[in-house]
Amino acid sequence: MTGRQLYEQALVLLGLEAENVPHLEEMAPGCINQMLYDRNYEQNALLRAQGDEAALTGCVPAAGLDSLEEEIPYDERFVQECFPYGLAALLIAEDDRTMFNWLISEYQQHAAYYAPCTETIIRGMEE
């Protein structure tokens, strides 16, 4: 998924037309880079679960996305299901706090789905 595709999905969530909010497009790469940094933990957990230890990012490259035409370097499904809510929330944060609160809640819930679980051995209680 490219940054542009993600941006377009975020605009749909906000009910906005791209030509009416050109200032948001300028903000989008920075917001996407912030989400890449914030969700690096989940991305690495996905890579570990897929057995791809060699691809672990450890940390997001400092440059991140330079333009919306670039591919987002994270798991496609993770980005599709989670990132539109986060981007929409970041783009609308100063204008509509109610919408921001709903979107950021959805973003966090979708990201939590990809958060790794820790296996714990459950021991039976003796009577």
N, C-alpha and C. Protein backbone atom coordinates (compact mmCIF):
# COMPACT_ATOMS: atom_id res chain seq x y z
N MET A 1 0.85 -1.17 0.00
CA MET A 1 0.00 0.00 0.00
C MET A 1 0.90 1.23 0.00
N THR A 2 0.54 2.19 -0.82
CA THR A 2 1.32 3.42 -0.87
C THR A 2 0.78 4.43 0.14
N GLY A 3 1.58 5.43 0.40
CA GLY A 3 1.13 6.51 1.26
C GLY A 3 -0.10 7.20 0.70
N ARG A 4 -0.18 7.33 -0.61
CA ARG A 4 -1.32 7.98 -1.25
C ARG A 4 -2.60 7.16 -1.02
N GLN A 5 -2.52 5.84 -1.17
CA GLN A 5 -3.69 5.00 -0.93
C GLN A 5 -4.16 5.13 0.52
N LEU A 6 -3.22 5.15 1.44
CA LEU A 6 -3.55 5.32 2.85
C LEU A 6 -4.20 6.67 3.09
N TYR A 7 -3.64 7.71 2.51
CA TYR A 7 -4.19 9.07 2.64
C TYR A 7 -5.62 9.12 2.11
N GLU A 8 -5.86 8.50 0.98
CA GLU A 8 -7.21 8.50 0.40
C GLU A 8 -8.20 7.76 1.30
N GLN A 9 -7.77 6.67 1.92
CA GLN A 9 -8.65 5.96 2.86
C GLN A 9 -8.96 6.82 4.08
N ALA A 10 -7.96 7.54 4.56
CA ALA A 10 -8.17 8.42 5.71
C ALA A 10 -9.18 9.52 5.36
N LEU A 11 -9.08 10.07 4.17
CA LEU A 11 -10.04 11.10 3.75
C LEU A 11 -11.46 10.55 3.67
N VAL A 12 -11.60 9.31 3.24
CA VAL A 12 -12.93 8.69 3.20
C VAL A 12 -13.50 8.60 4.61
N LEU A 13 -12.69 8.20 5.57
CA LEU A 13 -13.16 8.13 6.96
C LEU A 13 -13.60 9.49 7.47
N LEU A 14 -12.92 10.54 7.00
CA LEU A 14 -13.25 11.89 7.43
C LEU A 14 -14.39 12.51 6.62
N GLY A 15 -14.77 11.85 5.53
CA GLY A 15 -15.81 12.39 4.67
C GLY A 15 -15.37 13.63 3.92
N LEU A 16 -14.09 13.68 3.57
CA LEU A 16 -13.53 14.85 2.89
C LEU A 16 -13.11 14.51 1.47
N GLU A 17 -13.11 15.52 0.62
CA GLU A 17 -12.62 15.41 -0.74
C GLU A 17 -11.22 15.99 -0.80
N ALA A 18 -10.30 15.32 -1.46
CA ALA A 18 -8.90 15.74 -1.51
C ALA A 18 -8.74 17.17 -2.02
N GLU A 19 -9.51 17.55 -3.01
CA GLU A 19 -9.35 18.90 -3.58
C GLU A 19 -9.80 19.99 -2.62
N ASN A 20 -10.59 19.65 -1.60
CA ASN A 20 -11.05 20.64 -0.63
C ASN A 20 -10.10 20.83 0.55
N VAL A 21 -9.13 19.92 0.70
CA VAL A 21 -8.22 19.99 1.86
C VAL A 21 -6.76 19.76 1.44
N PRO A 22 -6.23 20.57 0.53
CA PRO A 22 -4.86 20.34 0.06
C PRO A 22 -3.81 20.45 1.17
N HIS A 23 -4.11 21.21 2.22
CA HIS A 23 -3.17 21.36 3.33
C HIS A 23 -2.97 20.04 4.09
N LEU A 24 -3.97 19.17 4.08
CA LEU A 24 -3.84 17.88 4.77
C LEU A 24 -2.85 16.96 4.06
N GLU A 25 -2.80 17.04 2.74
CA GLU A 25 -1.87 16.20 1.98
C GLU A 25 -0.43 16.51 2.35
N GLU A 26 -0.14 17.77 2.62
CA GLU A 26 1.21 18.16 3.02
C GLU A 26 1.59 17.57 4.38
N MET A 27 0.60 17.41 5.25
CA MET A 27 0.84 16.87 6.59
C MET A 27 0.97 15.35 6.60
N ALA A 28 0.38 14.68 5.61
CA ALA A 28 0.25 13.22 5.63
C ALA A 28 1.57 12.46 5.75
N PRO A 29 2.62 12.77 4.97
CA PRO A 29 3.85 11.97 5.12
C PRO A 29 4.43 12.01 6.53
N GLY A 30 4.42 13.17 7.16
CA GLY A 30 4.91 13.27 8.53
C GLY A 30 4.08 12.46 9.51
N CYS A 31 2.76 12.48 9.32
CA CYS A 31 1.88 11.70 10.18
C CYS A 31 2.10 10.20 9.98
N ILE A 32 2.26 9.80 8.73
CA ILE A 32 2.53 8.37 8.45
C ILE A 32 3.84 7.95 9.08
N ASN A 33 4.86 8.78 8.98
CA ASN A 33 6.15 8.46 9.59
C ASN A 33 6.03 8.31 11.09
N GLN A 34 5.21 9.15 11.71
CA GLN A 34 4.99 9.03 13.15
C GLN A 34 4.33 7.70 13.48
N MET A 35 3.36 7.28 12.67
CA MET A 35 2.69 5.99 12.91
C MET A 35 3.65 4.83 12.69
N LEU A 36 4.54 4.94 11.71
CA LEU A 36 5.54 3.88 11.49
C LEU A 36 6.41 3.73 12.73
N TYR A 37 6.79 4.82 13.30
CA TYR A 37 7.60 4.79 14.52
C TYR A 37 6.78 4.20 15.68
N ASP A 38 5.54 4.66 15.83
CA ASP A 38 4.69 4.20 16.94
C ASP A 38 4.35 2.72 16.86
N ARG A 39 4.21 2.17 15.67
CA ARG A 39 3.77 0.78 15.50
C ARG A 39 4.89 -0.16 15.10
N ASN A 40 6.13 0.25 15.31
CA ASN A 40 7.27 -0.60 15.00
C ASN A 40 7.25 -1.89 15.83
N TYR A 41 6.81 -1.81 17.05
CA TYR A 41 6.74 -2.97 17.94
C TYR A 41 5.83 -4.05 17.36
N GLU A 42 4.63 -3.64 16.91
CA GLU A 42 3.70 -4.59 16.34
C GLU A 42 4.22 -5.17 15.02
N GLN A 43 4.84 -4.32 14.21
CA GLN A 43 5.40 -4.80 12.94
C GLN A 43 6.47 -5.86 13.20
N ASN A 44 7.35 -5.62 14.15
CA ASN A 44 8.39 -6.60 14.46
C ASN A 44 7.79 -7.89 15.02
N ALA A 45 6.72 -7.78 15.79
CA ALA A 45 6.05 -8.97 16.31
C ALA A 45 5.46 -9.80 15.16
N LEU A 46 4.90 -9.11 14.17
CA LEU A 46 4.38 -9.82 13.00
C LEU A 46 5.50 -10.54 12.25
N LEU A 47 6.61 -9.88 12.08
CA LEU A 47 7.74 -10.50 11.38
C LEU A 47 8.25 -11.72 12.14
N ARG A 48 8.34 -11.60 13.47
CA ARG A 48 8.77 -12.73 14.30
C ARG A 48 7.80 -13.90 14.17
N ALA A 49 6.50 -13.59 14.21
CA ALA A 49 5.47 -14.63 14.11
C ALA A 49 5.52 -15.33 12.75
N GLN A 50 5.95 -14.62 11.73
CA GLN A 50 6.06 -15.18 10.38
C GLN A 50 7.40 -15.87 10.18
N GLY A 51 8.26 -15.84 11.22
CA GLY A 51 9.56 -16.49 11.14
C GLY A 51 10.58 -15.71 10.33
N ASP A 52 10.35 -14.42 10.15
CA ASP A 52 11.24 -13.59 9.34
C ASP A 52 12.13 -12.73 10.22
N GLU A 53 12.97 -13.37 11.02
CA GLU A 53 13.88 -12.66 11.93
C GLU A 53 14.82 -11.73 11.19
N ALA A 54 15.21 -12.09 9.96
CA ALA A 54 16.15 -11.27 9.19
C ALA A 54 15.56 -9.92 8.80
N ALA A 55 14.23 -9.83 8.71
CA ALA A 55 13.60 -8.58 8.28
C ALA A 55 13.24 -7.65 9.42
N LEU A 56 13.54 -8.04 10.65
CA LEU A 56 13.19 -7.18 11.79
C LEU A 56 13.78 -5.80 11.60
N THR A 57 12.94 -4.79 11.82
CA THR A 57 13.38 -3.42 11.57
C THR A 57 14.14 -2.83 12.74
N GLY A 58 13.87 -3.26 13.95
CA GLY A 58 14.58 -2.72 15.11
C GLY A 58 14.18 -1.29 15.38
N CYS A 59 14.34 -0.46 14.41
CA CYS A 59 13.83 0.90 14.48
C CYS A 59 13.56 1.36 13.05
N VAL A 60 12.65 2.27 12.92
CA VAL A 60 12.27 2.76 11.61
C VAL A 60 13.39 3.66 11.09
N PRO A 61 13.76 3.54 9.82
CA PRO A 61 14.77 4.44 9.28
C PRO A 61 14.38 5.89 9.53
N ALA A 62 15.34 6.72 9.84
CA ALA A 62 15.08 8.11 10.18
C ALA A 62 14.32 8.85 9.09
N ALA A 63 14.56 8.49 7.84
CA ALA A 63 13.94 9.22 6.74
C ALA A 63 12.45 8.90 6.61
N GLY A 64 12.03 7.67 6.85
CA GLY A 64 10.64 7.29 6.69
C GLY A 64 10.19 7.51 5.25
N LEU A 65 8.93 7.90 5.07
CA LEU A 65 8.41 8.19 3.73
C LEU A 65 8.76 9.63 3.37
N ASP A 66 9.25 9.82 2.16
CA ASP A 66 9.51 11.17 1.68
C ASP A 66 8.32 11.71 0.89
N SER A 67 7.54 10.80 0.31
CA SER A 67 6.37 11.22 -0.46
C SER A 67 5.27 10.18 -0.32
N LEU A 68 4.08 10.58 -0.69
CA LEU A 68 2.94 9.67 -0.60
C LEU A 68 2.97 8.59 -1.67
N GLU A 69 3.84 8.72 -2.64
CA GLU A 69 3.91 7.73 -3.72
C GLU A 69 4.70 6.48 -3.30
N GLU A 70 5.41 6.55 -2.20
CA GLU A 70 6.23 5.43 -1.74
C GLU A 70 5.36 4.36 -1.08
N GLU A 71 5.86 3.13 -1.15
CA GLU A 71 5.21 2.00 -0.47
C GLU A 71 5.47 2.10 1.03
N ILE A 72 4.47 1.78 1.81
CA ILE A 72 4.63 1.74 3.26
C ILE A 72 5.30 0.40 3.59
N PRO A 73 6.44 0.43 4.29
CA PRO A 73 7.25 -0.78 4.46
C PRO A 73 6.78 -1.72 5.57
N TYR A 74 5.50 -1.76 5.86
CA TYR A 74 4.99 -2.63 6.90
C TYR A 74 4.04 -3.65 6.29
N ASP A 75 3.68 -4.64 7.08
CA ASP A 75 2.75 -5.69 6.67
C ASP A 75 1.49 -5.07 6.06
N GLU A 76 1.15 -5.50 4.87
CA GLU A 76 0.04 -4.91 4.10
C GLU A 76 -1.29 -4.94 4.87
N ARG A 77 -1.61 -6.09 5.41
CA ARG A 77 -2.89 -6.22 6.13
C ARG A 77 -2.92 -5.33 7.38
N PHE A 78 -1.82 -5.29 8.10
CA PHE A 78 -1.71 -4.44 9.29
C PHE A 78 -1.95 -2.98 8.91
N VAL A 79 -1.32 -2.52 7.86
CA VAL A 79 -1.48 -1.14 7.41
C VAL A 79 -2.92 -0.88 6.98
N GLN A 80 -3.49 -1.76 6.20
CA GLN A 80 -4.85 -1.57 5.69
C GLN A 80 -5.89 -1.50 6.81
N GLU A 81 -5.72 -2.33 7.83
CA GLU A 81 -6.72 -2.42 8.88
C GLU A 81 -6.56 -1.40 9.98
N CYS A 82 -5.36 -0.88 10.16
CA CYS A 82 -5.08 -0.03 11.31
C CYS A 82 -4.78 1.42 10.94
N PHE A 83 -3.90 1.62 10.00
CA PHE A 83 -3.35 2.95 9.73
C PHE A 83 -4.35 3.99 9.22
N PRO A 84 -5.39 3.66 8.46
CA PRO A 84 -6.31 4.72 8.03
C PRO A 84 -6.94 5.47 9.20
N TYR A 85 -7.27 4.76 10.26
CA TYR A 85 -7.85 5.40 11.44
C TYR A 85 -6.84 6.33 12.11
N GLY A 86 -5.62 5.87 12.24
CA GLY A 86 -4.58 6.69 12.86
C GLY A 86 -4.28 7.94 12.05
N LEU A 87 -4.16 7.77 10.73
CA LEU A 87 -3.86 8.92 9.88
C LEU A 87 -5.02 9.91 9.91
N ALA A 88 -6.23 9.43 9.80
CA ALA A 88 -7.39 10.32 9.86
C ALA A 88 -7.42 11.08 11.19
N ALA A 89 -7.13 10.39 12.29
CA ALA A 89 -7.12 11.04 13.60
C ALA A 89 -6.07 12.13 13.66
N LEU A 90 -4.88 11.84 13.19
CA LEU A 90 -3.81 12.84 13.23
C LEU A 90 -4.12 14.04 12.34
N LEU A 91 -4.75 13.79 11.22
CA LEU A 91 -5.07 14.89 10.30
C LEU A 91 -6.17 15.80 10.83
N ILE A 92 -7.07 15.27 11.64
CA ILE A 92 -8.23 16.03 12.12
C ILE A 92 -8.07 16.48 13.57
N ALA A 93 -6.96 16.16 14.21
CA ALA A 93 -6.77 16.38 15.64
C ALA A 93 -7.10 17.79 16.11
N GLU A 94 -6.69 18.79 15.38
CA GLU A 94 -6.90 20.17 15.82
C GLU A 94 -8.29 20.70 15.49
N ASP A 95 -8.99 20.06 14.57
CA ASP A 95 -10.26 20.60 14.10
C ASP A 95 -11.50 19.99 14.75
N ASP A 96 -11.44 18.73 15.13
CA ASP A 96 -12.63 18.05 15.63
C ASP A 96 -12.23 17.02 16.68
N ARG A 97 -12.28 17.42 17.92
CA ARG A 97 -11.83 16.54 19.01
C ARG A 97 -12.71 15.30 19.16
N THR A 98 -13.99 15.43 18.92
CA THR A 98 -14.89 14.27 19.04
C THR A 98 -14.53 13.22 18.00
N MET A 99 -14.36 13.65 16.75
CA MET A 99 -13.97 12.73 15.69
C MET A 99 -12.58 12.17 15.97
N PHE A 100 -11.68 13.01 16.43
CA PHE A 100 -10.33 12.55 16.77
C PHE A 100 -10.40 11.43 17.81
N ASN A 101 -11.17 11.63 18.86
CA ASN A 101 -11.27 10.63 19.93
C ASN A 101 -11.78 9.29 19.41
N TRP A 102 -12.80 9.33 18.55
CA TRP A 102 -13.32 8.09 17.99
C TRP A 102 -12.28 7.41 17.11
N LEU A 103 -11.66 8.18 16.23
CA LEU A 103 -10.68 7.61 15.30
C LEU A 103 -9.46 7.03 16.03
N ILE A 104 -8.97 7.74 17.03
CA ILE A 104 -7.78 7.26 17.74
C ILE A 104 -8.12 6.00 18.54
N SER A 105 -9.36 5.92 19.03
CA SER A 105 -9.81 4.72 19.72
C SER A 105 -9.83 3.53 18.76
N GLU A 106 -10.36 3.73 17.56
CA GLU A 106 -10.37 2.67 16.55
C GLU A 106 -8.95 2.27 16.16
N TYR A 107 -8.09 3.25 16.00
CA TYR A 107 -6.68 3.00 15.66
C TYR A 107 -6.02 2.12 16.72
N GLN A 108 -6.23 2.46 17.98
CA GLN A 108 -5.62 1.70 19.06
C GLN A 108 -6.21 0.30 19.16
N GLN A 109 -7.51 0.16 18.95
CA GLN A 109 -8.13 -1.17 18.99
C GLN A 109 -7.63 -2.06 17.86
N HIS A 110 -7.51 -1.50 16.66
CA HIS A 110 -7.01 -2.28 15.54
C HIS A 110 -5.53 -2.65 15.75
N ALA A 111 -4.76 -1.73 16.29
CA ALA A 111 -3.34 -2.02 16.54
C ALA A 111 -3.20 -3.08 17.63
N ALA A 112 -4.08 -3.06 18.62
CA ALA A 112 -4.01 -4.03 19.71
C ALA A 112 -4.20 -5.46 19.19
N TYR A 113 -4.96 -5.60 18.13
CA TYR A 113 -5.16 -6.92 17.52
C TYR A 113 -3.83 -7.51 17.07
N TYR A 114 -2.92 -6.65 16.65
CA TYR A 114 -1.62 -7.10 16.15
C TYR A 114 -0.55 -7.12 17.23
N ALA A 115 -0.88 -6.69 18.43
CA ALA A 115 0.09 -6.73 19.52
C ALA A 115 0.34 -8.17 19.93
N PRO A 116 1.57 -8.51 20.19
CA PRO A 116 1.89 -9.90 20.54
C PRO A 116 1.36 -10.27 21.92
N CYS A 117 1.05 -11.53 22.04
CA CYS A 117 0.62 -12.08 23.33
C CYS A 117 1.79 -12.84 23.93
N THR A 118 1.77 -12.97 25.21
CA THR A 118 2.78 -13.76 25.90
C THR A 118 2.12 -15.06 26.36
N GLU A 119 2.74 -16.17 26.01
CA GLU A 119 2.20 -17.45 26.45
C GLU A 119 2.53 -17.66 27.91
N THR A 120 1.53 -18.11 28.64
CA THR A 120 1.70 -18.37 30.06
C THR A 120 1.19 -19.78 30.34
N ILE A 121 1.95 -20.51 31.08
CA ILE A 121 1.52 -21.86 31.45
C ILE A 121 0.51 -21.73 32.58
N ILE A 122 -0.63 -22.36 32.40
CA ILE A 122 -1.68 -22.35 33.41
C ILE A 122 -1.60 -23.65 34.18
N ARG A 123 -1.46 -23.54 35.44
CA ARG A 123 -1.35 -24.72 36.30
C ARG A 123 -2.68 -24.95 37.00
N GLY A 124 -3.07 -26.19 37.06
CA GLY A 124 -4.31 -26.54 37.76
C GLY A 124 -4.14 -26.37 39.26
N MET A 125 -5.20 -25.97 39.90
CA MET A 125 -5.16 -25.81 41.36
C MET A 125 -5.42 -27.17 42.01
N GLU A 126 -4.63 -27.47 42.97
CA GLU A 126 -4.82 -28.71 43.71
C GLU A 126 -5.92 -28.53 44.74
N GLU A 127 -6.75 -29.54 44.89
CA GLU A 127 -7.85 -29.44 45.85
C GLU A 127 -7.43 -29.91 47.20
